[in-house]
C-alpha atoms as a PDB file:
ATOM      1  CA  UNK A   1     -88.989   9.933 -90.243  1.00  0.00           C
ATOM      2  CA  UNK A   2     -86.170   8.076 -89.559  1.00  0.00           C
ATOM      3  CA  UNK A   3     -82.677   8.417 -91.495  1.00  0.00           C
ATOM      4  CA  UNK A   4     -81.946   4.970 -92.182  1.00  0.00           C
ATOM      5  CA  UNK A   5     -81.272   1.975 -89.697  1.00  0.00           C
ATOM      6  CA  UNK A   6     -77.656   1.591 -88.097  1.00  0.00           C
ATOM      7  CA  UNK A   7     -75.617   0.342 -90.026  1.00  0.00           C
ATOM      8  CA  UNK A   8     -77.749   1.107 -93.497  1.00  0.00           C
ATOM      9  CA  UNK A   9     -77.470   4.680 -93.409  1.00  0.00           C
ATOM     10  CA  UNK A  10     -77.744   7.183 -95.765  1.00  0.00           C
ATOM     11  CA  UNK A  11     -73.901   8.069 -97.255  1.00  0.00           C
ATOM     12  CA  UNK A  12     -74.282  12.023 -96.658  1.00  0.00           C
ATOM     13  CA  UNK A  13     -76.942  12.095 -94.164  1.00  0.00           C
ATOM     14  CA  UNK A  14     -75.785  15.875 -93.376  1.00  0.00           C
ATOM     15  CA  UNK A  15     -78.128  16.824 -96.475  1.00  0.00           C
ATOM     16  CA  UNK A  16     -80.517  14.478 -96.759  1.00  0.00           C
ATOM     17  CA  UNK A  17     -82.941  16.706 -95.880  1.00  0.00           C
ATOM     18  CA  UNK A  18     -81.651  20.320 -97.665  1.00  0.00           C
ATOM     19  CA  UNK A  19     -84.376  19.791-100.071  1.00  0.00           C
ATOM     20  CA  UNK A  20     -86.958  20.226 -97.625  1.00  0.00           C
ATOM     21  CA  UNK A  21     -85.136  22.803 -95.059  1.00  0.00           C
ATOM     22  CA  UNK A  22     -86.410  25.890 -97.371  1.00  0.00           C
ATOM     23  CA  UNK A  23     -89.802  24.822 -96.435  1.00  0.00           C
ATOM     24  CA  UNK A  24     -89.607  23.952 -93.005  1.00  0.00           C
ATOM     25  CA  UNK A  25     -87.682  26.996 -92.330  1.00  0.00           C
ATOM     26  CA  UNK A  26     -90.532  29.648 -94.082  1.00  0.00           C
ATOM     27  CA  UNK A  27     -91.499  31.275 -91.340  1.00  0.00           C
ATOM     28  CA  UNK A  28     -92.730  28.774 -88.646  1.00  0.00           C
ATOM     29  CA  UNK A  29     -91.792  28.775 -85.137  1.00  0.00           C
ATOM     30  CA  UNK A  30     -92.284  25.622 -83.803  1.00  0.00           C
ATOM     31  CA  UNK A  31     -91.269  22.351 -85.930  1.00  0.00           C
ATOM     32  CA  UNK A  32     -92.659  20.011 -84.961  1.00  0.00           C
ATOM     33  CA  UNK A  33     -91.966  16.352 -86.668  1.00  0.00           C
ATOM     34  CA  UNK A  34     -92.438  12.298 -85.430  1.00  0.00           C
ATOM     35  CA  UNK A  35     -89.346  10.508 -85.177  1.00  0.00           C
ATOM     36  CA  UNK A  36     -90.587   6.717 -85.754  1.00  0.00           C
ATOM     37  CA  UNK A  37     -87.659   4.854 -84.340  1.00  0.00           C
ATOM     38  CA  UNK A  38     -84.373   5.290 -81.857  1.00  0.00           C
ATOM     39  CA  UNK A  39     -81.659   7.488 -81.480  1.00  0.00           C
ATOM     40  CA  UNK A  40     -79.773   5.144 -79.613  1.00  0.00           C
ATOM     41  CA  UNK A  41     -76.546   2.716 -79.455  1.00  0.00           C
ATOM     42  CA  UNK A  42     -78.157   0.097 -77.420  1.00  0.00           C
ATOM     43  CA  UNK A  43     -78.178  -3.501 -77.694  1.00  0.00           C
ATOM     44  CA  UNK A  44     -81.348  -5.948 -77.771  1.00  0.00           C
ATOM     45  CA  UNK A  45     -83.512  -5.370 -80.989  1.00  0.00           C
ATOM     46  CA  UNK A  46     -87.320  -6.431 -80.188  1.00  0.00           C
ATOM     47  CA  UNK A  47     -86.808  -8.270 -83.402  1.00  0.00           C
ATOM     48  CA  UNK A  48     -84.713 -10.817 -81.621  1.00  0.00           C
ATOM     49  CA  UNK A  49     -86.970 -11.195 -78.931  1.00  0.00           C
ATOM     50  CA  UNK A  50     -89.445 -11.993 -82.405  1.00  0.00           C
ATOM     51  CA  UNK A  51     -90.352 -15.735 -83.360  1.00  0.00           C
ATOM     52  CA  UNK A  52     -88.625 -16.769 -86.960  1.00  0.00           C
ATOM     53  CA  UNK A  53     -90.116 -16.493 -89.894  1.00  0.00           C
ATOM     54  CA  UNK A  54     -92.348 -13.080 -88.950  1.00  0.00           C
ATOM     55  CA  UNK A  55     -92.015  -9.481 -90.347  1.00  0.00           C
ATOM     56  CA  UNK A  56     -90.039  -7.494 -87.817  1.00  0.00           C
ATOM     57  CA  UNK A  57     -89.027  -3.872 -88.014  1.00  0.00           C
ATOM     58  CA  UNK A  58     -86.534  -1.858 -85.150  1.00  0.00           C
ATOM     59  CA  UNK A  59     -85.512   1.246 -86.571  1.00  0.00           C
ATOM     60  CA  UNK A  60     -82.550   3.193 -84.862  1.00  0.00           C
ATOM     61  CA  UNK A  61     -79.916   5.803 -85.834  1.00  0.00           C
ATOM     62  CA  UNK A  62     -76.775   7.023 -84.128  1.00  0.00           C
ATOM     63  CA  UNK A  63     -77.601   9.318 -81.444  1.00  0.00           C
ATOM     64  CA  UNK A  64     -75.854  12.360 -83.365  1.00  0.00           C
ATOM     65  CA  UNK A  65     -78.093  11.904 -86.180  1.00  0.00           C
ATOM     66  CA  UNK A  66     -79.975  14.279 -83.932  1.00  0.00           C
ATOM     67  CA  UNK A  67     -78.055  17.390 -85.356  1.00  0.00           C
ATOM     68  CA  UNK A  68     -79.454  17.048 -88.997  1.00  0.00           C
ATOM     69  CA  UNK A  69     -83.126  17.043 -87.405  1.00  0.00           C
ATOM     70  CA  UNK A  70     -81.864  20.419 -85.746  1.00  0.00           C
ATOM     71  CA  UNK A  71     -80.421  21.559 -88.593  1.00  0.00           C
ATOM     72  CA  UNK A  72     -83.128  21.072 -90.741  1.00  0.00           C
ATOM     73  CA  UNK A  73     -85.518  23.116 -87.872  1.00  0.00           C
ATOM     74  CA  UNK A  74     -87.273  20.658 -85.867  1.00  0.00           C
ATOM     75  CA  UNK A  75     -87.701  21.975 -82.576  1.00  0.00           C
ATOM     76  CA  UNK A  76     -90.137  19.772 -81.191  1.00  0.00           C
ATOM     77  CA  UNK A  77     -89.567  15.454 -81.535  1.00  0.00           C
ATOM     78  CA  UNK A  78     -91.841  13.248 -80.765  1.00  0.00           C
ATOM     79  CA  UNK A  79     -91.967   9.039 -79.284  1.00  0.00           C
ATOM     80  CA  UNK A  80     -95.801   8.607 -79.133  1.00  0.00           C
ATOM     81  CA  UNK A  81     -95.460   5.747 -81.564  1.00  0.00           C
ATOM     82  CA  UNK A  82     -94.742   1.792 -82.347  1.00  0.00           C
ATOM     83  CA  UNK A  83     -91.262   2.357 -82.924  1.00  0.00           C
ATOM     84  CA  UNK A  84     -89.470   4.312 -79.668  1.00  0.00           C
ATOM     85  CA  UNK A  85     -89.350   0.715 -78.064  1.00  0.00           C
ATOM     86  CA  UNK A  86     -87.434  -0.567 -80.224  1.00  0.00           C
ATOM     87  CA  UNK A  87     -84.412  -1.277 -78.409  1.00  0.00           C
ATOM     88  CA  UNK A  88     -86.164  -1.530 -75.473  1.00  0.00           C
ATOM     89  CA  UNK A  89     -86.347   0.853 -72.394  1.00  0.00           C
ATOM     90  CA  UNK A  90     -82.710   1.675 -72.272  1.00  0.00           C
ATOM     91  CA  UNK A  91     -83.074   2.739 -76.041  1.00  0.00           C
ATOM     92  CA  UNK A  92     -85.841   5.043 -75.238  1.00  0.00           C
ATOM     93  CA  UNK A  93     -84.044   6.793 -72.617  1.00  0.00           C
ATOM     94  CA  UNK A  94     -81.632   7.446 -74.205  1.00  0.00           C
ATOM     95  CA  UNK A  95     -83.086   8.640 -77.630  1.00  0.00           C
ATOM     96  CA  UNK A  96     -84.756  11.426 -74.503  1.00  0.00           C
ATOM     97  CA  UNK A  97     -82.028  12.291 -73.202  1.00  0.00           C
ATOM     98  CA  UNK A  98     -80.325  13.340 -76.872  1.00  0.00           C
ATOM     99  CA  UNK A  99     -83.211  15.127 -78.110  1.00  0.00           C
ATOM    100  CA  UNK A 100     -82.515  17.008 -74.979  1.00  0.00           C
ATOM    101  CA  UNK A 101     -78.948  17.496 -75.015  1.00  0.00           C
ATOM    102  CA  UNK A 102     -79.430  18.809 -78.593  1.00  0.00           C
ATOM    103  CA  UNK A 103     -81.743  21.784 -77.255  1.00  0.00           C
ATOM    104  CA  UNK A 104     -84.883  19.992 -78.681  1.00  0.00           C
ATOM    105  CA  UNK A 105     -88.269  19.846 -77.083  1.00  0.00           C
ATOM    106  CA  UNK A 106     -89.730  16.090 -76.528  1.00  0.00           C
ATOM    107  CA  UNK A 107     -93.462  14.869 -75.845  1.00  0.00           C
ATOM    108  CA  UNK A 108     -95.026  11.552 -75.941  1.00  0.00           C
ATOM    109  CA  UNK A 109     -94.275   9.484 -72.902  1.00  0.00           C
ATOM    110  CA  UNK A 110     -97.338   8.692 -70.361  1.00  0.00           C
ATOM    111  CA  UNK A 111     -98.203  11.422 -68.517  1.00  0.00           C
ATOM    112  CA  UNK A 112     -95.962  14.272 -70.268  1.00  0.00           C
ATOM    113  CA  UNK A 113     -97.291  17.635 -71.175  1.00  0.00           C
ATOM    114  CA  UNK A 114     -94.265  19.339 -73.237  1.00  0.00           C
ATOM    115  CA  UNK A 115     -94.591  23.457 -72.668  1.00  0.00           C
ATOM    116  CA  UNK A 116     -92.793  25.559 -75.651  1.00  0.00           C
ATOM    117  CA  UNK A 117     -92.941  29.273 -76.054  1.00  0.00           C
ATOM    118  CA  UNK A 118     -93.672  31.226 -79.745  1.00  0.00           C
ATOM    119  CA  UNK A 119     -94.066  34.886 -79.537  1.00  0.00           C
ATOM    120  CA  UNK A 120     -94.395  34.770 -76.041  1.00  0.00           C
ATOM    121  CA  UNK A 121     -97.874  32.209 -76.067  1.00  0.00           C
ATOM    122  CA  UNK A 122     -97.017  29.211 -74.176  1.00  0.00           C
ATOM    123  CA  UNK A 123     -97.767  26.103 -76.060  1.00  0.00           C
ATOM    124  CA  UNK A 124     -98.268  23.121 -75.364  1.00  0.00           C
ATOM    125  CA  UNK A 125     -97.437  19.682 -76.987  1.00  0.00           C
ATOM    126  CA  UNK A 126     -99.293  16.489 -76.156  1.00  0.00           C
ATOM    127  CA  UNK A 127     -98.684  12.869 -78.270  1.00  0.00           C
ATOM    128  CA  UNK A 128    -101.109   9.781 -78.188  1.00  0.00           C
ATOM    129  CA  UNK A 129    -100.269   6.393 -79.306  1.00  0.00           C
ATOM    130  CA  UNK A 130    -101.534   3.048 -78.511  1.00  0.00           C
ATOM    131  CA  UNK A 131     -99.526   1.653 -76.363  1.00  0.00           C
ATOM    132  CA  UNK A 132     -98.266   1.584 -72.169  1.00  0.00           C
ATOM    133  CA  UNK A 133     -94.974   3.172 -72.620  1.00  0.00           C
ATOM    134  CA  UNK A 134     -97.049   6.214 -74.404  1.00  0.00           C
ATOM    135  CA  UNK A 135     -99.385   9.108 -73.436  1.00  0.00           C
ATOM    136  CA  UNK A 136    -101.708   5.948 -74.715  1.00  0.00           C
ATOM    137  CA  UNK A 137    -104.707   7.435 -76.769  1.00  0.00           C
ATOM    138  CA  UNK A 138    -106.577   3.841 -75.936  1.00  0.00           C
ATOM    139  CA  UNK A 139    -107.260   5.702 -72.473  1.00  0.00           C
ATOM    140  CA  UNK A 140    -109.906   7.901 -73.224  1.00  0.00           C
ATOM    141  CA  UNK A 141    -110.426   9.197 -69.636  1.00  0.00           C
ATOM    142  CA  UNK A 142    -107.164   9.587 -68.790  1.00  0.00           C
ATOM    143  CA  UNK A 143    -106.215  11.257 -72.304  1.00  0.00           C
ATOM    144  CA  UNK A 144    -108.745  13.874 -71.353  1.00  0.00           C
ATOM    145  CA  UNK A 145    -107.755  14.672 -68.339  1.00  0.00           C
ATOM    146  CA  UNK A 146    -104.276  14.808 -69.624  1.00  0.00           C
ATOM    147  CA  UNK A 147    -105.348  17.418 -72.489  1.00  0.00           C
ATOM    148  CA  UNK A 148    -107.792  19.278 -70.060  1.00  0.00           C
ATOM    149  CA  UNK A 149    -104.329  19.997 -67.535  1.00  0.00           C
ATOM    150  CA  UNK A 150    -102.486  21.207 -70.406  1.00  0.00           C
ATOM    151  CA  UNK A 151    -104.912  23.045 -71.569  1.00  0.00           C
ATOM    152  CA  UNK A 152    -105.110  24.564 -68.591  1.00  0.00           C
ATOM    153  CA  UNK A 153    -101.092  25.300 -68.731  1.00  0.00           C
ATOM    154  CA  UNK A 154    -101.676  27.072 -71.946  1.00  0.00           C
ATOM    155  CA  UNK A 155    -103.608  28.714 -74.018  1.00  0.00           C
ATOM    156  CA  UNK A 156    -102.299  27.017 -77.194  1.00  0.00           C
ATOM    157  CA  UNK A 157    -102.343  23.113 -77.050  1.00  0.00           C
ATOM    158  CA  UNK A 158    -101.045  20.619 -79.862  1.00  0.00           C
ATOM    159  CA  UNK A 159    -102.154  17.061 -79.567  1.00  0.00           C
ATOM    160  CA  UNK A 160    -100.659  14.562 -82.004  1.00  0.00           C
ATOM    161  CA  UNK A 161    -101.984  11.221 -82.610  1.00  0.00           C
ATOM    162  CA  UNK A 162    -100.520   7.881 -83.815  1.00  0.00           C
ATOM    163  CA  UNK A 163    -103.888   6.356 -84.526  1.00  0.00           C
ATOM    164  CA  UNK A 164    -105.109   4.161 -87.264  1.00  0.00           C
ATOM    165  CA  UNK A 165    -104.248   0.897 -89.585  1.00  0.00           C
ATOM    166  CA  UNK A 166    -101.246   1.662 -92.037  1.00  0.00           C
ATOM    167  CA  UNK A 167    -100.915   1.236 -95.536  1.00  0.00           C
ATOM    168  CA  UNK A 168    -101.750   1.860 -99.086  1.00  0.00           C
ATOM    169  CA  UNK A 169    -105.000   0.737 -98.245  1.00  0.00           C
ATOM    170  CA  UNK A 170    -105.827   2.823 -95.170  1.00  0.00           C
ATOM    171  CA  UNK A 171    -105.924   6.399 -96.709  1.00  0.00           C
ATOM    172  CA  UNK A 172    -109.788   6.826 -95.315  1.00  0.00           C
ATOM    173  CA  UNK A 173    -110.430   7.678 -91.652  1.00  0.00           C
ATOM    174  CA  UNK A 174    -113.456   5.312 -91.014  1.00  0.00           C
ATOM    175  CA  UNK A 175    -114.692   6.685 -87.867  1.00  0.00           C
ATOM    176  CA  UNK A 176    -114.796   3.694 -86.600  1.00  0.00           C
ATOM    177  CA  UNK A 177    -112.101   1.351 -84.358  1.00  0.00           C
ATOM    178  CA  UNK A 178    -109.265   0.972 -86.262  1.00  0.00           C
ATOM    179  CA  UNK A 179    -107.336  -3.121 -86.175  1.00  0.00           C
ATOM    180  CA  UNK A 180    -103.635  -3.333 -87.390  1.00  0.00           C
ATOM    181  CA  UNK A 181    -101.486  -6.185 -87.125  1.00  0.00           C
ATOM    182  CA  UNK A 182    -103.857  -7.640 -84.319  1.00  0.00           C
ATOM    183  CA  UNK A 183    -103.242  -4.353 -82.697  1.00  0.00           C
ATOM    184  CA  UNK A 184    -106.304  -1.696 -81.779  1.00  0.00           C
ATOM    185  CA  UNK A 185    -104.735   1.779 -83.056  1.00  0.00           C
ATOM    186  CA  UNK A 186    -107.894   3.733 -82.028  1.00  0.00           C
ATOM    187  CA  UNK A 187    -110.596   4.970 -83.229  1.00  0.00           C
ATOM    188  CA  UNK A 188    -108.522   8.334 -85.064  1.00  0.00           C
ATOM    189  CA  UNK A 189    -111.763  10.879 -85.448  1.00  0.00           C
ATOM    190  CA  UNK A 190    -113.470   9.925 -82.420  1.00  0.00           C
ATOM    191  CA  UNK A 191    -110.096  10.076 -80.392  1.00  0.00           C
ATOM    192  CA  UNK A 192    -109.318  13.720 -82.400  1.00  0.00           C
ATOM    193  CA  UNK A 193    -112.999  15.016 -81.372  1.00  0.00           C
ATOM    194  CA  UNK A 194    -112.554  13.954 -77.824  1.00  0.00           C
ATOM    195  CA  UNK A 195    -109.235  15.888 -78.358  1.00  0.00           C
ATOM    196  CA  UNK A 196    -110.674  19.217 -79.126  1.00  0.00           C
ATOM    197  CA  UNK A 197    -113.797  18.588 -76.893  1.00  0.00           C
ATOM    198  CA  UNK A 198    -111.001  18.942 -73.869  1.00  0.00           C
ATOM    199  CA  UNK A 199    -108.817  21.959 -74.990  1.00  0.00           C
ATOM    200  CA  UNK A 200    -106.632  20.762 -78.151  1.00  0.00           C
ATOM    201  CA  UNK A 201    -105.939  23.847 -80.549  1.00  0.00           C
ATOM    202  CA  UNK A 202    -104.658  21.510 -83.212  1.00  0.00           C
ATOM    203  CA  UNK A 203    -105.280  17.841 -84.057  1.00  0.00           C
ATOM    204  CA  UNK A 204    -101.958  16.348 -86.130  1.00  0.00           C
ATOM    205  CA  UNK A 205    -101.010  12.731 -86.996  1.00  0.00           C
ATOM    206  CA  UNK A 206     -98.700  10.007 -89.418  1.00  0.00           C
ATOM    207  CA  UNK A 207     -99.151   6.930 -87.637  1.00  0.00           C
ATOM    208  CA  UNK A 208    -101.410   4.751 -91.042  1.00  0.00           C
ATOM    209  CA  UNK A 209     -97.976   5.656 -93.558  1.00  0.00           C
ATOM    210  CA  UNK A 210     -99.657   7.811 -96.007  1.00  0.00           C
ATOM    211  CA  UNK A 211    -101.985  10.718 -96.262  1.00  0.00           C
ATOM    212  CA  UNK A 212    -105.176  10.818 -95.242  1.00  0.00           C
ATOM    213  CA  UNK A 213    -107.943  13.856 -95.229  1.00  0.00           C
ATOM    214  CA  UNK A 214    -108.250  16.972 -93.227  1.00  0.00           C
ATOM    215  CA  UNK A 215    -111.464  17.661 -90.974  1.00  0.00           C
ATOM    216  CA  UNK A 216    -112.637  21.171 -89.279  1.00  0.00           C
ATOM    217  CA  UNK A 217    -114.359  19.977 -86.032  1.00  0.00           C
ATOM    218  CA  UNK A 218    -115.966  23.470 -84.313  1.00  0.00           C
ATOM    219  CA  UNK A 219    -113.722  25.688 -85.778  1.00  0.00           C
ATOM    220  CA  UNK A 220    -110.370  23.854 -85.293  1.00  0.00           C
ATOM    221  CA  UNK A 221    -108.634  21.905 -88.152  1.00  0.00           C
ATOM    222  CA  UNK A 222    -107.878  17.752 -87.419  1.00  0.00           C
ATOM    223  CA  UNK A 223    -105.607  16.250 -90.125  1.00  0.00           C
ATOM    224  CA  UNK A 224    -105.693  12.553 -89.767  1.00  0.00           C
ATOM    225  CA  UNK A 225    -102.483  11.992 -90.883  1.00  0.00           C
ATOM    226  CA  UNK A 226     -99.523  13.670 -93.129  1.00  0.00           C
ATOM    227  CA  UNK A 227     -98.088  10.327 -94.334  1.00  0.00           C
ATOM    228  CA  UNK A 228     -94.240   9.442 -93.920  1.00  0.00           C
ATOM    229  CA  UNK A 229     -91.848  12.709 -94.221  1.00  0.00           C
ATOM    230  CA  UNK A 230     -88.047  10.960 -94.569  1.00  0.00           C
ATOM    231  CA  UNK A 231     -86.712   7.519 -94.203  1.00  0.00           C
ATOM    232  CA  UNK A 232     -83.479   5.875 -96.043  1.00  0.00           C
ATOM    233  CA  UNK A 233     -85.521   2.879 -97.035  1.00  0.00           C
ATOM    234  CA  UNK A 234     -87.395   2.424 -93.835  1.00  0.00           C
ATOM    235  CA  UNK A 235     -90.605   2.733 -95.365  1.00  0.00           C
ATOM    236  CA  UNK A 236     -93.032   2.195 -98.872  1.00  0.00           C
ATOM    237  CA  UNK A 237     -92.292   4.310-101.366  1.00  0.00           C
ATOM    238  CA  UNK A 238     -94.345   2.988-104.293  1.00  0.00           C
ATOM    239  CA  UNK A 239     -97.926   4.521-104.876  1.00  0.00           C
ATOM    240  CA  UNK A 240     -99.371   6.822-102.768  1.00  0.00           C
ATOM    241  CA  UNK A 241     -97.145   5.866 -99.789  1.00  0.00           C
ATOM    242  CA  UNK A 242     -95.249   7.925-101.766  1.00  0.00           C
ATOM    243  CA  UNK A 243     -97.079  11.288-101.386  1.00  0.00           C
ATOM    244  CA  UNK A 244     -96.189  13.016 -98.125  1.00  0.00           C
ATOM    245  CA  UNK A 245     -96.556  16.926 -97.404  1.00  0.00           C
ATOM    246  CA  UNK A 246     -95.759  19.368 -95.034  1.00  0.00           C
ATOM    247  CA  UNK A 247     -98.232  21.091 -93.105  1.00  0.00           C
ATOM    248  CA  UNK A 248     -97.398  24.794 -91.464  1.00  0.00           C
ATOM    249  CA  UNK A 249    -100.751  25.417 -89.639  1.00  0.00           C
ATOM    250  CA  UNK A 250    -101.228  29.507 -87.628  1.00  0.00           C
ATOM    251  CA  UNK A 251    -103.084  29.441 -84.584  1.00  0.00           C
ATOM    252  CA  UNK A 252    -104.115  33.103 -82.752  1.00  0.00           C
ATOM    253  CA  UNK A 253    -101.943  33.226 -79.365  1.00  0.00           C
ATOM    254  CA  UNK A 254    -105.622  31.771 -77.559  1.00  0.00           C
ATOM    255  CA  UNK A 255    -105.531  28.831 -79.881  1.00  0.00           C
ATOM    256  CA  UNK A 256    -108.237  29.569 -82.668  1.00  0.00           C
ATOM    257  CA  UNK A 257    -107.426  28.582 -86.082  1.00  0.00           C
ATOM    258  CA  UNK A 258    -106.094  31.402 -88.493  1.00  0.00           C
ATOM    259  CA  UNK A 259    -104.430  29.722 -91.256  1.00  0.00           C
ATOM    260  CA  UNK A 260    -103.262  26.910 -92.994  1.00  0.00           C
ATOM    261  CA  UNK A 261    -101.398  25.673 -95.824  1.00  0.00           C
ATOM    262  CA  UNK A 262    -100.358  22.237 -97.475  1.00  0.00           C
ATOM    263  CA  UNK A 263     -96.760  22.001 -99.186  1.00  0.00           C
ATOM    264  CA  UNK A 264     -96.852  18.578-100.869  1.00  0.00           C
ATOM    265  CA  UNK A 265     -93.966  16.400-101.235  1.00  0.00           C
ATOM    266  CA  UNK A 266     -92.780  13.267-102.946  1.00  0.00           C
ATOM    267  CA  UNK A 267     -90.679  10.887-102.127  1.00  0.00           C
ATOM    268  CA  UNK A 268     -87.574   9.121-103.846  1.00  0.00           C
ATOM    269  CA  UNK A 269     -87.155   5.087-104.063  1.00  0.00           C
ATOM    270  CA  UNK A 270     -85.401   5.390-100.572  1.00  0.00           C
ATOM    271  CA  UNK A 271     -87.716   7.938 -98.856  1.00  0.00           C
ATOM    272  CA  UNK A 272     -85.894  11.452 -99.404  1.00  0.00           C
ATOM    273  CA  UNK A 273     -88.595  14.112 -99.949  1.00  0.00           C
ATOM    274  CA  UNK A 274     -88.079  16.785-102.072  1.00  0.00           C
ATOM    275  CA  UNK A 275     -91.284  19.661-102.983  1.00  0.00           C
ATOM    276  CA  UNK A 276     -93.972  18.507-105.339  1.00  0.00           C
ATOM    277  CA  UNK A 277     -96.382  15.863-105.925  1.00  0.00           C
ATOM    278  CA  UNK A 278    -100.145  15.565-106.180  1.00  0.00           C
ATOM    279  CA  UNK A 279    -100.262  15.929-102.469  1.00  0.00           C
ATOM    280  CA  UNK A 280    -102.577  18.352-102.484  1.00  0.00           C
ATOM    281  CA  UNK A 281    -105.083  17.080-104.587  1.00  0.00           C
ATOM    282  CA  UNK A 282    -105.107  14.205-103.358  1.00  0.00           C
ATOM    283  CA  UNK A 283    -105.545  14.952 -99.604  1.00  0.00           C
ATOM    284  CA  UNK A 284    -108.398  17.405-100.758  1.00  0.00           C
ATOM    285  CA  UNK A 285    -110.226  14.632-102.308  1.00  0.00           C
ATOM    286  CA  UNK A 286    -110.094  12.333 -99.312  1.00  0.00           C
ATOM    287  CA  UNK A 287    -111.572  15.144 -97.504  1.00  0.00           C
ATOM    288  CA  UNK A 288    -114.319  15.401 -99.530  1.00  0.00           C
ATOM    289  CA  UNK A 289    -114.845  11.833 -99.948  1.00  0.00           C
ATOM    290  CA  UNK A 290    -114.600  11.076 -95.995  1.00  0.00           C
ATOM    291  CA  UNK A 291    -115.925  13.976 -94.478  1.00  0.00           C
ATOM    292  CA  UNK A 292    -118.216  16.315 -96.792  1.00  0.00           C
ATOM    293  CA  UNK A 293    -119.718  19.241 -95.201  1.00  0.00           C
ATOM    294  CA  UNK A 294    -116.997  19.169 -92.224  1.00  0.00           C
ATOM    295  CA  UNK A 295    -114.037  18.529 -94.813  1.00  0.00           C
ATOM    296  CA  UNK A 296    -111.584  21.309 -95.017  1.00  0.00           C
ATOM    297  CA  UNK A 297    -111.162  23.316 -98.015  1.00  0.00           C
ATOM    298  CA  UNK A 298    -107.738  22.914-100.054  1.00  0.00           C
ATOM    299  CA  UNK A 299    -107.056  24.926-103.196  1.00  0.00           C
ATOM    300  CA  UNK A 300    -104.969  24.034-105.900  1.00  0.00           C
ATOM    301  CA  UNK A 301    -102.231  26.279-104.305  1.00  0.00           C
ATOM    302  CA  UNK A 302    -102.515  24.718-100.819  1.00  0.00           C
ATOM    303  CA  UNK A 303    -104.299  26.901 -98.617  1.00  0.00           C
ATOM    304  CA  UNK A 304    -106.236  24.995 -96.016  1.00  0.00           C
ATOM    305  CA  UNK A 305    -109.568  27.055 -95.119  1.00  0.00           C
ATOM    306  CA  UNK A 306    -112.739  26.053 -92.930  1.00  0.00           C
ATOM    307  CA  UNK A 307    -116.124  24.993 -94.461  1.00  0.00           C
END
């Protein structure tokens, strides 16, 4: 999520997330979101260094936009993605400082384990993307070691991965290394399974910009992509790109899966999320197609159960 791109910003950003705020605030102690861009005033867009004629996207919101995410209910924001360095190290550093100054937790930098508390239980958040300026999902031994260390620090470990190809033809988990725009975007299934083997309680993702299926592995839920959530013209919003969801997961104090539910969303042509749409049916079909006997069972009402 990112609310436009300076100077092209929503006319009323304070109300942009209002349609989904009741769902975000529906009893969750921790609300995690992927910040697909920067909160900065730094100059020096990465696009200014690109060759002429090449497609390039660099996203930034004014730093005070962090309050709109906080007011919507978010408590943890992630920087492990391909847009956190859109305005270089200065832009990334200001983004991190801005998140912390707003009283929110942040994760996704190299070697970073973020600890938060819910109902007296310590929860570790780690986030990975295929870049050196994030915790890298391509360095599997280092990722495994970091997750194992997190498991020693907290009984509940949530891993986010910005993995996989992008776009309307990238709905399926291939089980193989995925390449997009000439970049190695990792093998999402292999990474997620390794994360759980190393101690993760839950694995979530959104890198492909479209919804993907869900799977259970050793009793733990993997959501391979929750799609786009919000963007004022930042992302495509046609066809399956307009389908989104909020995932509500309840874990025990020892990290065991208890229950989960999908809340389907649909995005307007400008990327504003509102409740509704066919996301639940879409993800249920993808899950069955890609994972068979290990697919998450998703009811018409969005309830998620292990197979």
